[in-house]
Amino acid sequence: MRKLSFKAKLISLVIAIIAITIITSFFSSNHYINNYIHNEYKNNIKSKVDLVSKIPITKLEGDIKLAESSNFNFIKIKETLEKPDLTILFKSHMALYTVMKVP
């Protein structure tokens, strides 16, 4: 077997160290970048879900407050709907809606 010279051993050792360093840095950066993307994606999704879940609750609370603040009962609703002004307004609005409705 032929012996390698000291210079060849030194060059091969430097090349091996550089190759190991590059491979280690690649896997390390790949891991940290993937971890960062995963965490940001998870936080983004969580904030959007929280926002969407708060909207219906807020709207429902507003509707409940509006219903509590109005003094209508079923008899008053029927009386209000039977008023001629409201009936004309409702019918004209529905007629306008059906005319403007695009197929």
N, C-alpha and C. Protein backbone atom coordinates (compact mmCIF):
# COMPACT_ATOMS: atom_id res chain seq x y z
N MET A 1 0.84 -1.17 0.00
CA MET A 1 0.00 0.00 0.00
C MET A 1 0.89 1.24 0.00
N ARG A 2 0.50 2.18 -0.77
CA ARG A 2 1.31 3.39 -0.91
C ARG A 2 0.98 4.36 0.20
N LYS A 3 1.99 4.95 0.77
CA LYS A 3 1.80 5.94 1.83
C LYS A 3 1.48 7.29 1.21
N LEU A 4 0.53 8.00 1.87
CA LEU A 4 0.20 9.35 1.41
C LEU A 4 1.17 10.33 2.04
N SER A 5 1.49 11.35 1.31
CA SER A 5 2.39 12.36 1.84
C SER A 5 1.66 13.21 2.87
N PHE A 6 2.41 13.91 3.64
CA PHE A 6 1.84 14.76 4.71
C PHE A 6 0.96 15.85 4.09
N LYS A 7 1.38 16.38 2.97
CA LYS A 7 0.61 17.43 2.28
C LYS A 7 -0.73 16.88 1.82
N ALA A 8 -0.78 15.69 1.29
CA ALA A 8 -2.04 15.08 0.83
C ALA A 8 -2.96 14.81 2.02
N LYS A 9 -2.37 14.32 3.12
CA LYS A 9 -3.17 14.08 4.33
C LYS A 9 -3.76 15.39 4.86
N LEU A 10 -2.97 16.44 4.85
CA LEU A 10 -3.42 17.73 5.35
C LEU A 10 -4.53 18.29 4.46
N ILE A 11 -4.38 18.20 3.16
CA ILE A 11 -5.40 18.70 2.23
C ILE A 11 -6.69 17.89 2.37
N SER A 12 -6.57 16.56 2.47
CA SER A 12 -7.77 15.73 2.64
C SER A 12 -8.45 16.02 3.97
N LEU A 13 -7.69 16.29 5.02
CA LEU A 13 -8.27 16.65 6.32
C LEU A 13 -9.01 17.98 6.25
N VAL A 14 -8.46 18.97 5.57
CA VAL A 14 -9.11 20.28 5.42
C VAL A 14 -10.38 20.14 4.59
N ILE A 15 -10.31 19.36 3.52
CA ILE A 15 -11.51 19.15 2.69
C ILE A 15 -12.60 18.42 3.49
N ALA A 16 -12.21 17.44 4.30
CA ALA A 16 -13.19 16.71 5.12
C ALA A 16 -13.82 17.64 6.16
N ILE A 17 -13.04 18.50 6.78
CA ILE A 17 -13.56 19.44 7.78
C ILE A 17 -14.53 20.42 7.11
N ILE A 18 -14.17 20.93 5.95
CA ILE A 18 -15.04 21.87 5.23
C ILE A 18 -16.34 21.18 4.83
N ALA A 19 -16.24 19.95 4.32
CA ALA A 19 -17.44 19.22 3.91
C ALA A 19 -18.35 18.95 5.11
N ILE A 20 -17.79 18.53 6.22
CA ILE A 20 -18.60 18.27 7.43
C ILE A 20 -19.24 19.56 7.93
N THR A 21 -18.49 20.67 7.86
CA THR A 21 -19.04 21.96 8.29
C THR A 21 -20.21 22.38 7.41
N ILE A 22 -20.07 22.22 6.11
CA ILE A 22 -21.14 22.61 5.18
C ILE A 22 -22.37 21.73 5.40
N ILE A 23 -22.18 20.44 5.53
CA ILE A 23 -23.32 19.52 5.74
C ILE A 23 -24.02 19.83 7.06
N THR A 24 -23.24 20.07 8.12
CA THR A 24 -23.83 20.39 9.42
C THR A 24 -24.60 21.71 9.38
N SER A 25 -24.03 22.72 8.74
CA SER A 25 -24.72 24.01 8.66
C SER A 25 -25.99 23.90 7.81
N PHE A 26 -25.97 23.08 6.75
CA PHE A 26 -27.15 22.88 5.93
C PHE A 26 -28.29 22.27 6.74
N PHE A 27 -28.00 21.19 7.45
CA PHE A 27 -29.06 20.54 8.24
C PHE A 27 -29.52 21.42 9.40
N SER A 28 -28.60 22.14 9.99
CA SER A 28 -28.97 23.03 11.10
C SER A 28 -29.87 24.16 10.62
N SER A 29 -29.48 24.82 9.53
CA SER A 29 -30.30 25.92 9.01
C SER A 29 -31.64 25.40 8.50
N ASN A 30 -31.64 24.24 7.89
CA ASN A 30 -32.88 23.64 7.41
C ASN A 30 -33.84 23.38 8.58
N HIS A 31 -33.31 22.85 9.67
CA HIS A 31 -34.13 22.58 10.85
C HIS A 31 -34.71 23.87 11.43
N TYR A 32 -33.87 24.89 11.61
CA TYR A 32 -34.34 26.14 12.23
C TYR A 32 -35.30 26.90 11.33
N ILE A 33 -35.06 26.89 10.03
CA ILE A 33 -35.98 27.57 9.11
C ILE A 33 -37.32 26.86 9.08
N ASN A 34 -37.32 25.53 9.02
CA ASN A 34 -38.58 24.78 9.04
C ASN A 34 -39.33 25.00 10.35
N ASN A 35 -38.61 25.03 11.44
CA ASN A 35 -39.23 25.27 12.75
C ASN A 35 -39.84 26.67 12.80
N TYR A 36 -39.13 27.66 12.28
CA TYR A 36 -39.64 29.03 12.27
C TYR A 36 -40.91 29.13 11.40
N ILE A 37 -40.87 28.54 10.21
CA ILE A 37 -42.03 28.58 9.32
C ILE A 37 -43.22 27.88 9.97
N HIS A 38 -42.98 26.75 10.59
CA HIS A 38 -44.06 26.01 11.25
C HIS A 38 -44.69 26.84 12.37
N ASN A 39 -43.86 27.44 13.20
CA ASN A 39 -44.38 28.25 14.32
C ASN A 39 -45.15 29.47 13.83
N GLU A 40 -44.63 30.14 12.81
CA GLU A 40 -45.33 31.31 12.28
C GLU A 40 -46.66 30.92 11.64
N TYR A 41 -46.67 29.82 10.92
CA TYR A 41 -47.89 29.34 10.28
C TYR A 41 -48.93 28.97 11.34
N LYS A 42 -48.46 28.29 12.39
CA LYS A 42 -49.36 27.88 13.48
C LYS A 42 -49.93 29.11 14.20
N ASN A 43 -49.10 30.10 14.47
CA ASN A 43 -49.57 31.32 15.14
C ASN A 43 -50.54 32.10 14.24
N ASN A 44 -50.27 32.14 12.95
CA ASN A 44 -51.14 32.83 12.01
C ASN A 44 -52.51 32.16 11.95
N ILE A 45 -52.52 30.85 11.86
CA ILE A 45 -53.78 30.10 11.83
C ILE A 45 -54.54 30.30 13.13
N LYS A 46 -53.84 30.25 14.25
CA LYS A 46 -54.49 30.40 15.56
C LYS A 46 -55.12 31.79 15.69
N SER A 47 -54.43 32.82 15.24
CA SER A 47 -54.98 34.17 15.34
C SER A 47 -56.20 34.33 14.44
N LYS A 48 -56.17 33.71 13.25
CA LYS A 48 -57.32 33.80 12.35
C LYS A 48 -58.52 33.04 12.91
N VAL A 49 -58.28 31.88 13.52
CA VAL A 49 -59.37 31.11 14.11
C VAL A 49 -59.97 31.88 15.29
N ASP A 50 -59.11 32.48 16.10
CA ASP A 50 -59.61 33.29 17.22
C ASP A 50 -60.45 34.45 16.73
N LEU A 51 -60.00 35.11 15.67
CA LEU A 51 -60.73 36.25 15.11
C LEU A 51 -62.08 35.81 14.57
N VAL A 52 -62.09 34.71 13.84
CA VAL A 52 -63.35 34.22 13.27
C VAL A 52 -64.30 33.75 14.36
N SER A 53 -63.77 33.14 15.39
CA SER A 53 -64.65 32.66 16.47
C SER A 53 -65.19 33.81 17.31
N LYS A 54 -64.50 34.94 17.36
CA LYS A 54 -64.99 36.08 18.14
C LYS A 54 -66.06 36.86 17.39
N ILE A 55 -66.02 36.87 16.06
CA ILE A 55 -66.98 37.65 15.28
C ILE A 55 -68.41 37.19 15.50
N PRO A 56 -68.74 35.90 15.38
CA PRO A 56 -70.15 35.51 15.61
C PRO A 56 -70.61 35.76 17.03
N ILE A 57 -69.73 35.57 18.01
CA ILE A 57 -70.11 35.81 19.41
C ILE A 57 -70.42 37.29 19.60
N THR A 58 -69.59 38.17 19.04
CA THR A 58 -69.82 39.61 19.16
C THR A 58 -71.11 40.00 18.45
N LYS A 59 -71.34 39.44 17.28
CA LYS A 59 -72.57 39.74 16.54
C LYS A 59 -73.78 39.22 17.29
N LEU A 60 -73.68 38.03 17.84
CA LEU A 60 -74.79 37.46 18.60
C LEU A 60 -75.07 38.29 19.85
N GLU A 61 -74.03 38.72 20.54
CA GLU A 61 -74.23 39.57 21.72
C GLU A 61 -74.90 40.88 21.34
N GLY A 62 -74.50 41.46 20.19
CA GLY A 62 -75.14 42.70 19.73
C GLY A 62 -76.59 42.48 19.40
N ASP A 63 -76.92 41.36 18.77
CA ASP A 63 -78.32 41.06 18.45
C ASP A 63 -79.14 40.85 19.72
N ILE A 64 -78.56 40.19 20.71
CA ILE A 64 -79.27 39.98 21.99
C ILE A 64 -79.52 41.31 22.68
N LYS A 65 -78.52 42.18 22.69
CA LYS A 65 -78.70 43.50 23.31
C LYS A 65 -79.76 44.31 22.58
N LEU A 66 -79.77 44.21 21.26
CA LEU A 66 -80.77 44.92 20.48
C LEU A 66 -82.17 44.37 20.78
N ALA A 67 -82.29 43.06 20.88
CA ALA A 67 -83.58 42.46 21.19
C ALA A 67 -84.04 42.82 22.59
N GLU A 68 -83.11 42.88 23.52
CA GLU A 68 -83.47 43.26 24.90
C GLU A 68 -83.88 44.72 24.98
N SER A 69 -83.25 45.56 24.18
CA SER A 69 -83.55 46.99 24.26
C SER A 69 -84.85 47.34 23.56
N SER A 70 -85.28 46.53 22.61
CA SER A 70 -86.55 46.83 21.94
C SER A 70 -87.71 46.32 22.80
N ASN A 71 -88.81 47.05 22.75
CA ASN A 71 -89.96 46.70 23.57
C ASN A 71 -91.04 45.99 22.76
N PHE A 72 -90.65 45.30 21.73
CA PHE A 72 -91.62 44.60 20.90
C PHE A 72 -91.98 43.26 21.53
N ASN A 73 -93.24 42.95 21.45
CA ASN A 73 -93.67 41.59 21.73
C ASN A 73 -94.39 41.09 20.49
N PHE A 74 -94.89 39.88 20.49
CA PHE A 74 -95.49 39.32 19.28
C PHE A 74 -96.71 40.08 18.81
N ILE A 75 -97.49 40.60 19.71
CA ILE A 75 -98.69 41.36 19.33
C ILE A 75 -98.28 42.66 18.65
N LYS A 76 -97.29 43.33 19.19
CA LYS A 76 -96.85 44.60 18.60
C LYS A 76 -96.22 44.37 17.22
N ILE A 77 -95.53 43.26 17.04
CA ILE A 77 -94.94 42.97 15.74
C ILE A 77 -96.04 42.78 14.71
N LYS A 78 -97.09 42.05 15.08
CA LYS A 78 -98.20 41.83 14.16
C LYS A 78 -98.89 43.15 13.83
N GLU A 79 -99.10 44.00 14.85
CA GLU A 79 -99.73 45.29 14.62
C GLU A 79 -98.87 46.17 13.72
N THR A 80 -97.59 46.13 13.92
CA THR A 80 -96.68 46.94 13.10
C THR A 80 -96.68 46.47 11.65
N LEU A 81 -96.69 45.16 11.46
CA LEU A 81 -96.71 44.64 10.09
C LEU A 81 -98.04 44.92 9.39
N GLU A 82 -99.11 45.06 10.16
CA GLU A 82 -100.41 45.32 9.57
C GLU A 82 -100.64 46.79 9.24
N LYS A 83 -99.78 47.67 9.67
CA LYS A 83 -99.92 49.09 9.35
C LYS A 83 -99.79 49.27 7.84
N PRO A 84 -100.64 50.10 7.26
CA PRO A 84 -100.61 50.26 5.80
C PRO A 84 -99.30 50.83 5.27
N ASP A 85 -98.71 51.77 5.98
CA ASP A 85 -97.47 52.38 5.49
C ASP A 85 -96.35 51.35 5.37
N LEU A 86 -96.25 50.52 6.36
CA LEU A 86 -95.19 49.52 6.35
C LEU A 86 -95.45 48.46 5.29
N THR A 87 -96.69 48.11 5.09
CA THR A 87 -97.03 47.12 4.07
C THR A 87 -96.69 47.64 2.68
N ILE A 88 -97.03 48.90 2.41
CA ILE A 88 -96.71 49.51 1.11
C ILE A 88 -95.20 49.57 0.91
N LEU A 89 -94.50 49.98 1.95
CA LEU A 89 -93.05 50.06 1.87
C LEU A 89 -92.44 48.68 1.61
N PHE A 90 -92.91 47.68 2.33
CA PHE A 90 -92.38 46.33 2.17
C PHE A 90 -92.67 45.79 0.77
N LYS A 91 -93.89 46.00 0.30
CA LYS A 91 -94.25 45.50 -1.03
C LYS A 91 -93.47 46.21 -2.13
N SER A 92 -93.29 47.51 -1.99
CA SER A 92 -92.54 48.23 -3.01
C SER A 92 -91.07 47.83 -3.00
N HIS A 93 -90.56 47.57 -1.82
CA HIS A 93 -89.17 47.13 -1.71
C HIS A 93 -89.01 45.74 -2.36
N MET A 94 -89.93 44.83 -2.12
CA MET A 94 -89.86 43.51 -2.71
C MET A 94 -90.03 43.58 -4.23
N ALA A 95 -90.91 44.47 -4.71
CA ALA A 95 -91.09 44.62 -6.16
C ALA A 95 -89.80 45.15 -6.79
N LEU A 96 -89.18 46.11 -6.15
CA LEU A 96 -87.93 46.66 -6.66
C LEU A 96 -86.85 45.58 -6.66
N TYR A 97 -86.84 44.76 -5.63
CA TYR A 97 -85.85 43.70 -5.55
C TYR A 97 -86.04 42.68 -6.68
N THR A 98 -87.28 42.32 -6.95
CA THR A 98 -87.51 41.32 -8.01
C THR A 98 -87.22 41.92 -9.38
N VAL A 99 -87.44 43.23 -9.57
CA VAL A 99 -87.13 43.86 -10.86
C VAL A 99 -85.63 43.93 -11.07
N MET A 100 -84.88 44.28 -10.02
CA MET A 100 -83.44 44.47 -10.15
C MET A 100 -82.66 43.16 -10.04
N LYS A 101 -83.34 42.09 -9.71
CA LYS A 101 -82.66 40.82 -9.53
C LYS A 101 -82.09 40.33 -10.86
N VAL A 102 -80.80 40.00 -10.83
CA VAL A 102 -80.12 39.55 -12.05
C VAL A 102 -80.18 38.03 -12.07
N PRO A 103 -80.56 37.45 -13.19
CA PRO A 103 -80.67 35.97 -13.25
C PRO A 103 -79.31 35.31 -13.17
